[in-house]
Amino acid sequence: MASATRRRPVRDAVRDNYAALARSGSNCCGSSSLIENASCCAPAKMDTSEITFVVEYSQEELSEAPAEAAEFTLGCGNPLALAGLQAGETVLDIGSGGGLDAFLAARKVGPGGWVIGVDMTPSMLDRARAAAERSGISNVEFRQGYAEALPVESNAVDVILSNCVINLSEDKGQVFREAYRVLRPGGRLEVSDVVAAAALPASLQENTAEWAECVSGALPEAEYLDLLAQAGFTKITVRRSASLGRAGGVSVYSALVAAYKPI
């Protein structure tokens, strides 16, 4: 009699995949055998026959970050594009990876501001901390932790950023509740993330190896936005980006989502 196969925890699969990327320095999330003609690093073609993640940073922005961070991004958009960061603000980057968004935010908030990057992968944190030290960026710090249990005190930050990370969590509702907890009243959430037009097939959702490809964990857009509202966020808006494709017959795309914690 064959023994039952134990489902590998999603968090472990995601962490191992991103640890390998951090060590290799690859800036591609890879392609999945379960995504139709997947190519997350290909140029944008606005073609639903392939998955195309577009990071959407200007050359000017990239020139303002440490080179090792600018050349290593695993995002699916630019959460800073509409964030309107102000001097002196405290910013949290959930899933900070190699540190690109954290470094760009640190420049925008200036020496009177502060940026906290949180990531669960030690090798990612090592990359980001080394880049900060080499570049002399002193208003940013990187902490190890999980999006579902942020190592940040309540009511402590003005703005939360996240780039193609929340879709990797199995409990997105808890991520949004944690985001709400750490934001100050009146604070805002600005994220770029992968969502879907409808529920993905169970074969995709249940394959833990595919979660780290930024697709299998994508929720339908309406469900994603509803979880934000359930967590207490208001003034929720969404803008679809040029990143799109199909997975399991379902349209998948990235979106810029903004939401506020009421005063």
C-alpha atoms as a PDB file:
ATOM      1  CA  MET A   1       0.000   0.000   0.000  1.00  0.00           C
ATOM      2  CA  ALA A   2       1.495   3.334  -1.006  1.00  0.00           C
ATOM      3  CA  SER A   3       1.997   5.868   1.745  1.00  0.00           C
ATOM      4  CA  ALA A   4       0.256   9.235   1.507  1.00  0.00           C
ATOM      5  CA  THR A   5       2.382  12.094   0.197  1.00  0.00           C
ATOM      6  CA  ARG A   6       2.720  14.879   2.751  1.00  0.00           C
ATOM      7  CA  ARG A   7       2.091  18.333   1.319  1.00  0.00           C
ATOM      8  CA  ARG A   8       5.174  20.475   1.738  1.00  0.00           C
ATOM      9  CA  PRO A   9       4.472  23.692   3.663  1.00  0.00           C
ATOM     10  CA  VAL A  10       4.140  26.641   1.289  1.00  0.00           C
ATOM     11  CA  ARG A  11       6.307  28.864   3.482  1.00  0.00           C
ATOM     12  CA  ASP A  12       9.196  26.393   3.323  1.00  0.00           C
ATOM     13  CA  ALA A  13       8.955  26.089  -0.455  1.00  0.00           C
ATOM     14  CA  VAL A  14       8.875  29.861  -0.917  1.00  0.00           C
ATOM     15  CA  ARG A  15      11.755  30.472   1.493  1.00  0.00           C
ATOM     16  CA  ASP A  16      13.970  27.845  -0.133  1.00  0.00           C
ATOM     17  CA  ASN A  17      13.292  29.210  -3.609  1.00  0.00           C
ATOM     18  CA  TYR A  18      14.086  32.797  -2.645  1.00  0.00           C
ATOM     19  CA  ALA A  19      17.160  31.748  -0.698  1.00  0.00           C
ATOM     20  CA  ALA A  20      18.479  30.106  -3.864  1.00  0.00           C
ATOM     21  CA  LEU A  21      17.762  33.266  -5.861  1.00  0.00           C
ATOM     22  CA  ALA A  22      19.554  35.401  -3.279  1.00  0.00           C
ATOM     23  CA  ARG A  23      22.622  33.198  -3.439  1.00  0.00           C
ATOM     24  CA  SER A  24      22.656  33.067  -7.230  1.00  0.00           C
ATOM     25  CA  GLY A  25      21.895  36.740  -7.754  1.00  0.00           C
ATOM     26  CA  SER A  26      19.268  35.895 -10.382  1.00  0.00           C
ATOM     27  CA  ASN A  27      16.633  38.593 -10.787  1.00  0.00           C
ATOM     28  CA  CYS A  28      14.027  36.284 -12.291  1.00  0.00           C
ATOM     29  CA  CYS A  29      11.370  34.485 -10.319  1.00  0.00           C
ATOM     30  CA  GLY A  30      11.690  31.621 -12.759  1.00  0.00           C
ATOM     31  CA  SER A  31       9.198  29.927 -15.027  1.00  0.00           C
ATOM     32  CA  SER A  32       6.633  27.399 -14.005  1.00  0.00           C
ATOM     33  CA  SER A  33       5.723  24.247 -15.849  1.00  0.00           C
ATOM     34  CA  LEU A  34       2.111  24.823 -14.824  1.00  0.00           C
ATOM     35  CA  ILE A  35       1.894  28.343 -16.280  1.00  0.00           C
ATOM     36  CA  GLU A  36       1.065  28.585 -19.945  1.00  0.00           C
ATOM     37  CA  ASN A  37       4.283  29.636 -21.728  1.00  0.00           C
ATOM     38  CA  ALA A  38       5.519  31.316 -18.549  1.00  0.00           C
ATOM     39  CA  SER A  39       8.277  33.889 -18.857  1.00  0.00           C
ATOM     40  CA  CYS A  40       8.409  36.244 -15.890  1.00  0.00           C
ATOM     41  CA  CYS A  41      11.567  37.936 -17.132  1.00  0.00           C
ATOM     42  CA  ALA A  42      10.508  38.491 -20.717  1.00  0.00           C
ATOM     43  CA  PRO A  43       9.777  41.985 -22.045  1.00  0.00           C
ATOM     44  CA  ALA A  44       6.182  43.131 -21.694  1.00  0.00           C
ATOM     45  CA  LYS A  45       4.112  42.079 -24.696  1.00  0.00           C
ATOM     46  CA  MET A  46       0.546  42.611 -23.413  1.00  0.00           C
ATOM     47  CA  ASP A  47      -0.108  39.089 -24.595  1.00  0.00           C
ATOM     48  CA  THR A  48      -2.270  36.775 -22.518  1.00  0.00           C
ATOM     49  CA  SER A  49      -0.406  33.763 -23.886  1.00  0.00           C
ATOM     50  CA  GLU A  50       2.407  34.304 -21.387  1.00  0.00           C
ATOM     51  CA  ILE A  51       3.064  35.540 -17.883  1.00  0.00           C
ATOM     52  CA  THR A  52       5.003  38.804 -17.961  1.00  0.00           C
ATOM     53  CA  PHE A  53       5.953  40.603 -14.752  1.00  0.00           C
ATOM     54  CA  VAL A  54       7.032  44.193 -15.371  1.00  0.00           C
ATOM     55  CA  VAL A  55       8.829  46.003 -12.555  1.00  0.00           C
ATOM     56  CA  GLU A  56       8.164  49.498 -13.983  1.00  0.00           C
ATOM     57  CA  TYR A  57      11.035  51.447 -12.398  1.00  0.00           C
ATOM     58  CA  SER A  58      12.511  54.398 -14.258  1.00  0.00           C
ATOM     59  CA  GLN A  59      16.226  54.487 -14.980  1.00  0.00           C
ATOM     60  CA  GLU A  60      16.448  57.537 -12.729  1.00  0.00           C
ATOM     61  CA  GLU A  61      14.979  55.580  -9.823  1.00  0.00           C
ATOM     62  CA  LEU A  62      17.288  52.627 -10.382  1.00  0.00           C
ATOM     63  CA  SER A  63      20.314  54.939 -10.489  1.00  0.00           C
ATOM     64  CA  GLU A  64      19.424  56.168  -6.990  1.00  0.00           C
ATOM     65  CA  ALA A  65      19.698  52.700  -5.432  1.00  0.00           C
ATOM     66  CA  PRO A  66      22.795  50.605  -4.723  1.00  0.00           C
ATOM     67  CA  ALA A  67      23.769  48.827  -7.943  1.00  0.00           C
ATOM     68  CA  GLU A  68      23.502  45.359  -6.398  1.00  0.00           C
ATOM     69  CA  ALA A  69      19.900  46.094  -5.374  1.00  0.00           C
ATOM     70  CA  ALA A  70      18.923  47.791  -8.641  1.00  0.00           C
ATOM     71  CA  GLU A  71      20.134  44.753 -10.585  1.00  0.00           C
ATOM     72  CA  PHE A  72      18.275  42.292  -8.344  1.00  0.00           C
ATOM     73  CA  THR A  73      14.522  42.712  -8.146  1.00  0.00           C
ATOM     74  CA  LEU A  74      11.831  40.042  -7.966  1.00  0.00           C
ATOM     75  CA  GLY A  75       8.832  42.362  -8.027  1.00  0.00           C
ATOM     76  CA  CYS A  76       5.820  42.648 -10.316  1.00  0.00           C
ATOM     77  CA  GLY A  77       5.443  46.425 -10.343  1.00  0.00           C
ATOM     78  CA  ASN A  78       6.537  49.580  -8.563  1.00  0.00           C
ATOM     79  CA  PRO A  79       4.673  50.190  -5.275  1.00  0.00           C
ATOM     80  CA  LEU A  80       6.413  53.547  -4.844  1.00  0.00           C
ATOM     81  CA  ALA A  81       4.936  54.935  -8.060  1.00  0.00           C
ATOM     82  CA  LEU A  82       1.801  56.300  -6.390  1.00  0.00           C
ATOM     83  CA  ALA A  83       2.885  56.163  -2.738  1.00  0.00           C
ATOM     84  CA  GLY A  84       3.742  59.857  -2.493  1.00  0.00           C
ATOM     85  CA  LEU A  85       6.326  59.307   0.224  1.00  0.00           C
ATOM     86  CA  GLN A  86       7.114  62.419   2.254  1.00  0.00           C
ATOM     87  CA  ALA A  87      10.229  63.515   4.113  1.00  0.00           C
ATOM     88  CA  GLY A  88      10.249  62.282   7.693  1.00  0.00           C
ATOM     89  CA  GLU A  89       7.838  59.384   7.213  1.00  0.00           C
ATOM     90  CA  THR A  90       8.392  55.909   8.627  1.00  0.00           C
ATOM     91  CA  VAL A  91       8.002  53.217   5.976  1.00  0.00           C
ATOM     92  CA  LEU A  92       7.704  49.431   6.244  1.00  0.00           C
ATOM     93  CA  ASP A  93       8.536  47.179   3.282  1.00  0.00           C
ATOM     94  CA  ILE A  94       6.938  43.736   3.686  1.00  0.00           C
ATOM     95  CA  GLY A  95       9.094  41.144   1.939  1.00  0.00           C
ATOM     96  CA  SER A  96      11.986  43.512   1.313  1.00  0.00           C
ATOM     97  CA  GLY A  97      14.165  40.960  -0.505  1.00  0.00           C
ATOM     98  CA  GLY A  98      17.382  42.504  -1.816  1.00  0.00           C
ATOM     99  CA  GLY A  99      16.277  45.919  -0.566  1.00  0.00           C
ATOM    100  CA  LEU A 100      15.473  47.883  -3.750  1.00  0.00           C
ATOM    101  CA  ASP A 101      12.155  49.365  -2.616  1.00  0.00           C
ATOM    102  CA  ALA A 102      13.502  49.999   0.874  1.00  0.00           C
ATOM    103  CA  PHE A 103      16.490  51.904  -0.514  1.00  0.00           C
ATOM    104  CA  LEU A 104      14.332  53.981  -2.854  1.00  0.00           C
ATOM    105  CA  ALA A 105      11.981  54.743   0.037  1.00  0.00           C
ATOM    106  CA  ALA A 106      14.910  55.711   2.278  1.00  0.00           C
ATOM    107  CA  ARG A 107      15.979  58.296  -0.264  1.00  0.00           C
ATOM    108  CA  LYS A 108      12.478  59.755  -0.508  1.00  0.00           C
ATOM    109  CA  VAL A 109      11.855  60.059   3.254  1.00  0.00           C
ATOM    110  CA  GLY A 110      15.305  61.569   3.807  1.00  0.00           C
ATOM    111  CA  PRO A 111      17.505  61.567   6.905  1.00  0.00           C
ATOM    112  CA  GLY A 112      14.558  62.493   9.120  1.00  0.00           C
ATOM    113  CA  GLY A 113      12.629  59.421   7.989  1.00  0.00           C
ATOM    114  CA  TRP A 114      13.117  55.729   8.630  1.00  0.00           C
ATOM    115  CA  VAL A 115      12.589  52.560   6.602  1.00  0.00           C
ATOM    116  CA  ILE A 116      12.139  49.040   7.963  1.00  0.00           C
ATOM    117  CA  GLY A 117      12.491  46.075   5.634  1.00  0.00           C
ATOM    118  CA  VAL A 118      11.095  42.744   6.825  1.00  0.00           C
ATOM    119  CA  ASP A 119      11.954  39.458   5.112  1.00  0.00           C
ATOM    120  CA  MET A 120      11.874  35.820   6.209  1.00  0.00           C
ATOM    121  CA  THR A 121      14.898  34.704   4.197  1.00  0.00           C
ATOM    122  CA  PRO A 122      18.301  35.148   5.911  1.00  0.00           C
ATOM    123  CA  SER A 123      20.247  35.248   2.647  1.00  0.00           C
ATOM    124  CA  MET A 124      18.017  38.042   1.350  1.00  0.00           C
ATOM    125  CA  LEU A 125      18.593  39.997   4.543  1.00  0.00           C
ATOM    126  CA  ASP A 126      22.335  39.464   4.196  1.00  0.00           C
ATOM    127  CA  ARG A 127      22.256  40.924   0.662  1.00  0.00           C
ATOM    128  CA  ALA A 128      20.231  43.952   1.714  1.00  0.00           C
ATOM    129  CA  ARG A 129      22.289  44.687   4.831  1.00  0.00           C
ATOM    130  CA  ALA A 130      25.555  44.395   2.919  1.00  0.00           C
ATOM    131  CA  ALA A 131      24.263  46.771   0.221  1.00  0.00           C
ATOM    132  CA  ALA A 132      23.162  49.304   2.845  1.00  0.00           C
ATOM    133  CA  GLU A 133      26.538  49.165   4.569  1.00  0.00           C
ATOM    134  CA  ARG A 134      28.539  49.503   1.363  1.00  0.00           C
ATOM    135  CA  SER A 135      26.408  52.432   0.219  1.00  0.00           C
ATOM    136  CA  GLY A 136      26.344  54.201   3.582  1.00  0.00           C
ATOM    137  CA  ILE A 137      22.545  54.233   3.783  1.00  0.00           C
ATOM    138  CA  SER A 138      21.890  54.843   7.456  1.00  0.00           C
ATOM    139  CA  ASN A 139      18.113  55.416   7.627  1.00  0.00           C
ATOM    140  CA  VAL A 140      17.111  51.856   6.787  1.00  0.00           C
ATOM    141  CA  GLU A 141      17.171  48.606   8.761  1.00  0.00           C
ATOM    142  CA  PHE A 142      16.294  45.033   7.858  1.00  0.00           C
ATOM    143  CA  ARG A 143      14.563  42.642  10.261  1.00  0.00           C
ATOM    144  CA  GLN A 144      13.865  38.939   9.950  1.00  0.00           C
ATOM    145  CA  GLY A 145      10.216  38.044  10.287  1.00  0.00           C
ATOM    146  CA  TYR A 146       7.005  36.956   8.598  1.00  0.00           C
ATOM    147  CA  ALA A 147       4.300  38.995   6.927  1.00  0.00           C
ATOM    148  CA  GLU A 148       1.733  37.218   9.131  1.00  0.00           C
ATOM    149  CA  ALA A 149       3.556  38.238  12.336  1.00  0.00           C
ATOM    150  CA  LEU A 150       5.453  41.449  11.658  1.00  0.00           C
ATOM    151  CA  PRO A 151       8.330  42.276  14.051  1.00  0.00           C
ATOM    152  CA  VAL A 152       7.041  45.851  14.328  1.00  0.00           C
ATOM    153  CA  GLU A 153       5.155  47.523  17.163  1.00  0.00           C
ATOM    154  CA  SER A 154       1.561  48.670  16.719  1.00  0.00           C
ATOM    155  CA  ASN A 155       0.756  52.113  15.273  1.00  0.00           C
ATOM    156  CA  ALA A 156       4.417  52.614  14.332  1.00  0.00           C
ATOM    157  CA  VAL A 157       4.588  53.309  10.585  1.00  0.00           C
ATOM    158  CA  ASP A 158       3.114  55.832   8.169  1.00  0.00           C
ATOM    159  CA  VAL A 159       3.317  53.803   4.960  1.00  0.00           C
ATOM    160  CA  ILE A 160       3.527  50.107   4.120  1.00  0.00           C
ATOM    161  CA  LEU A 161       4.995  48.957   0.813  1.00  0.00           C
ATOM    162  CA  SER A 162       5.093  45.440  -0.606  1.00  0.00           C
ATOM    163  CA  ASN A 163       6.060  44.143  -4.030  1.00  0.00           C
ATOM    164  CA  CYS A 164       4.814  40.756  -5.249  1.00  0.00           C
ATOM    165  CA  VAL A 165       4.970  39.211  -1.768  1.00  0.00           C
ATOM    166  CA  ILE A 166       1.501  39.021  -0.218  1.00  0.00           C
ATOM    167  CA  ASN A 167       0.390  36.568  -2.908  1.00  0.00           C
ATOM    168  CA  LEU A 168       2.987  34.159  -1.506  1.00  0.00           C
ATOM    169  CA  SER A 169       1.182  33.907   1.844  1.00  0.00           C
ATOM    170  CA  GLU A 170      -1.436  31.250   2.526  1.00  0.00           C
ATOM    171  CA  ASP A 171      -3.170  33.578   5.011  1.00  0.00           C
ATOM    172  CA  LYS A 172      -3.507  36.919   3.260  1.00  0.00           C
ATOM    173  CA  GLY A 173      -6.206  38.019   5.679  1.00  0.00           C
ATOM    174  CA  GLN A 174      -3.703  37.760   8.536  1.00  0.00           C
ATOM    175  CA  VAL A 175      -1.130  39.719   6.520  1.00  0.00           C
ATOM    176  CA  PHE A 176      -3.635  42.546   6.073  1.00  0.00           C
ATOM    177  CA  ARG A 177      -4.597  42.453   9.754  1.00  0.00           C
ATOM    178  CA  GLU A 178      -0.934  42.753  10.699  1.00  0.00           C
ATOM    179  CA  ALA A 179      -0.478  45.610   8.231  1.00  0.00           C
ATOM    180  CA  TYR A 180      -3.462  47.376   9.778  1.00  0.00           C
ATOM    181  CA  ARG A 181      -2.045  46.852  13.281  1.00  0.00           C
ATOM    182  CA  VAL A 182       1.347  48.408  12.619  1.00  0.00           C
ATOM    183  CA  LEU A 183       0.038  51.394  10.631  1.00  0.00           C
ATOM    184  CA  ARG A 184      -0.668  54.629  12.433  1.00  0.00           C
ATOM    185  CA  PRO A 185      -4.228  55.966  12.096  1.00  0.00           C
ATOM    186  CA  GLY A 186      -4.367  57.697   8.731  1.00  0.00           C
ATOM    187  CA  GLY A 187      -1.504  55.559   7.438  1.00  0.00           C
ATOM    188  CA  ARG A 188      -1.610  53.941   4.027  1.00  0.00           C
ATOM    189  CA  LEU A 189      -0.808  50.664   2.321  1.00  0.00           C
ATOM    190  CA  GLU A 190       0.697  50.748  -1.191  1.00  0.00           C
ATOM    191  CA  VAL A 191       1.350  47.352  -2.722  1.00  0.00           C
ATOM    192  CA  SER A 192       2.030  45.793  -6.098  1.00  0.00           C
ATOM    193  CA  ASP A 193       0.798  42.225  -6.174  1.00  0.00           C
ATOM    194  CA  VAL A 194      -0.421  39.420  -8.402  1.00  0.00           C
ATOM    195  CA  VAL A 195      -4.157  38.766  -8.574  1.00  0.00           C
ATOM    196  CA  ALA A 196      -6.420  36.752 -10.860  1.00  0.00           C
ATOM    197  CA  ALA A 197      -9.664  37.313 -12.711  1.00  0.00           C
ATOM    198  CA  ALA A 198     -11.172  34.216 -11.084  1.00  0.00           C
ATOM    199  CA  ALA A 199     -10.184  31.358  -8.796  1.00  0.00           C
ATOM    200  CA  LEU A 200      -7.236  29.345 -10.083  1.00  0.00           C
ATOM    201  CA  PRO A 201      -7.657  25.577 -10.579  1.00  0.00           C
ATOM    202  CA  ALA A 202      -7.136  23.441  -7.483  1.00  0.00           C
ATOM    203  CA  SER A 203      -4.178  21.724  -9.178  1.00  0.00           C
ATOM    204  CA  LEU A 204      -2.329  25.057  -9.140  1.00  0.00           C
ATOM    205  CA  GLN A 205      -3.403  26.097  -5.660  1.00  0.00           C
ATOM    206  CA  GLU A 206      -2.357  22.778  -4.127  1.00  0.00           C
ATOM    207  CA  ASN A 207       1.106  22.588  -5.718  1.00  0.00           C
ATOM    208  CA  THR A 208       3.434  24.183  -3.177  1.00  0.00           C
ATOM    209  CA  ALA A 209       6.373  24.261  -5.578  1.00  0.00           C
ATOM    210  CA  GLU A 210       4.417  26.690  -7.771  1.00  0.00           C
ATOM    211  CA  TRP A 211       3.663  29.240  -5.052  1.00  0.00           C
ATOM    212  CA  ALA A 212       7.165  30.713  -5.251  1.00  0.00           C
ATOM    213  CA  GLU A 213       6.518  31.449  -8.938  1.00  0.00           C
ATOM    214  CA  CYS A 214       4.217  34.335  -7.870  1.00  0.00           C
ATOM    215  CA  VAL A 215       1.119  32.792  -9.454  1.00  0.00           C
ATOM    216  CA  SER A 216      -0.383  29.842  -7.558  1.00  0.00           C
ATOM    217  CA  GLY A 217      -1.165  31.989  -4.534  1.00  0.00           C
ATOM    218  CA  ALA A 218      -2.943  34.689  -6.536  1.00  0.00           C
ATOM    219  CA  LEU A 219      -6.465  35.363  -5.308  1.00  0.00           C
ATOM    220  CA  PRO A 220      -9.301  36.668  -7.440  1.00  0.00           C
ATOM    221  CA  GLU A 221      -9.052  40.478  -7.371  1.00  0.00           C
ATOM    222  CA  ALA A 222     -12.444  40.913  -5.694  1.00  0.00           C
ATOM    223  CA  GLU A 223     -11.528  38.475  -2.906  1.00  0.00           C
ATOM    224  CA  TYR A 224      -8.159  40.197  -2.384  1.00  0.00           C
ATOM    225  CA  LEU A 225      -9.818  43.594  -2.005  1.00  0.00           C
ATOM    226  CA  ASP A 226     -12.513  42.165   0.267  1.00  0.00           C
ATOM    227  CA  LEU A 227      -9.848  40.838   2.658  1.00  0.00           C
ATOM    228  CA  LEU A 228      -8.425  44.361   2.887  1.00  0.00           C
ATOM    229  CA  ALA A 229     -11.850  45.709   3.797  1.00  0.00           C
ATOM    230  CA  GLN A 230     -12.374  42.945   6.360  1.00  0.00           C
ATOM    231  CA  ALA A 231      -9.089  43.951   8.012  1.00  0.00           C
ATOM    232  CA  GLY A 232     -10.461  47.472   8.458  1.00  0.00           C
ATOM    233  CA  PHE A 233      -8.949  49.331   5.510  1.00  0.00           C
ATOM    234  CA  THR A 234     -10.920  52.026   3.684  1.00  0.00           C
ATOM    235  CA  LYS A 235     -10.487  54.116   0.510  1.00  0.00           C
ATOM    236  CA  ILE A 236      -9.329  50.991  -1.323  1.00  0.00           C
ATOM    237  CA  THR A 237      -8.332  51.576  -4.939  1.00  0.00           C
ATOM    238  CA  VAL A 238      -6.739  49.345  -7.556  1.00  0.00           C
ATOM    239  CA  ARG A 239      -4.897  49.998 -10.812  1.00  0.00           C
ATOM    240  CA  ARG A 240      -4.045  47.101 -13.066  1.00  0.00           C
ATOM    241  CA  SER A 241      -0.512  47.125 -14.436  1.00  0.00           C
ATOM    242  CA  ALA A 242       0.958  45.910 -17.711  1.00  0.00           C
ATOM    243  CA  SER A 243       1.963  42.587 -16.145  1.00  0.00           C
ATOM    244  CA  LEU A 244      -0.375  39.845 -17.230  1.00  0.00           C
ATOM    245  CA  GLY A 245      -0.841  36.364 -18.620  1.00  0.00           C
ATOM    246  CA  ARG A 246      -2.840  33.194 -18.119  1.00  0.00           C
ATOM    247  CA  ALA A 247      -2.500  30.287 -15.697  1.00  0.00           C
ATOM    248  CA  GLY A 248      -4.740  27.259 -15.832  1.00  0.00           C
ATOM    249  CA  GLY A 249      -7.025  29.094 -18.241  1.00  0.00           C
ATOM    250  CA  VAL A 250      -7.460  32.047 -15.861  1.00  0.00           C
ATOM    251  CA  SER A 251      -6.211  35.585 -16.500  1.00  0.00           C
ATOM    252  CA  VAL A 252      -3.467  36.555 -14.044  1.00  0.00           C
ATOM    253  CA  TYR A 253      -2.100  40.070 -13.708  1.00  0.00           C
ATOM    254  CA  SER A 254      -0.392  42.408 -11.283  1.00  0.00           C
ATOM    255  CA  ALA A 255      -2.083  45.414  -9.756  1.00  0.00           C
ATOM    256  CA  LEU A 256      -1.199  48.466  -7.707  1.00  0.00           C
ATOM    257  CA  VAL A 257      -3.453  48.509  -4.650  1.00  0.00           C
ATOM    258  CA  ALA A 258      -3.786  51.407  -2.216  1.00  0.00           C
ATOM    259  CA  ALA A 259      -5.727  51.426   1.075  1.00  0.00           C
ATOM    260  CA  TYR A 260      -5.904  53.554   4.215  1.00  0.00           C
ATOM    261  CA  LYS A 261      -6.259  52.956   7.945  1.00  0.00           C
ATOM    262  CA  PRO A 262      -8.993  55.304   9.160  1.00  0.00           C
ATOM    263  CA  ILE A 263      -8.107  58.119  11.530  1.00  0.00           C
END
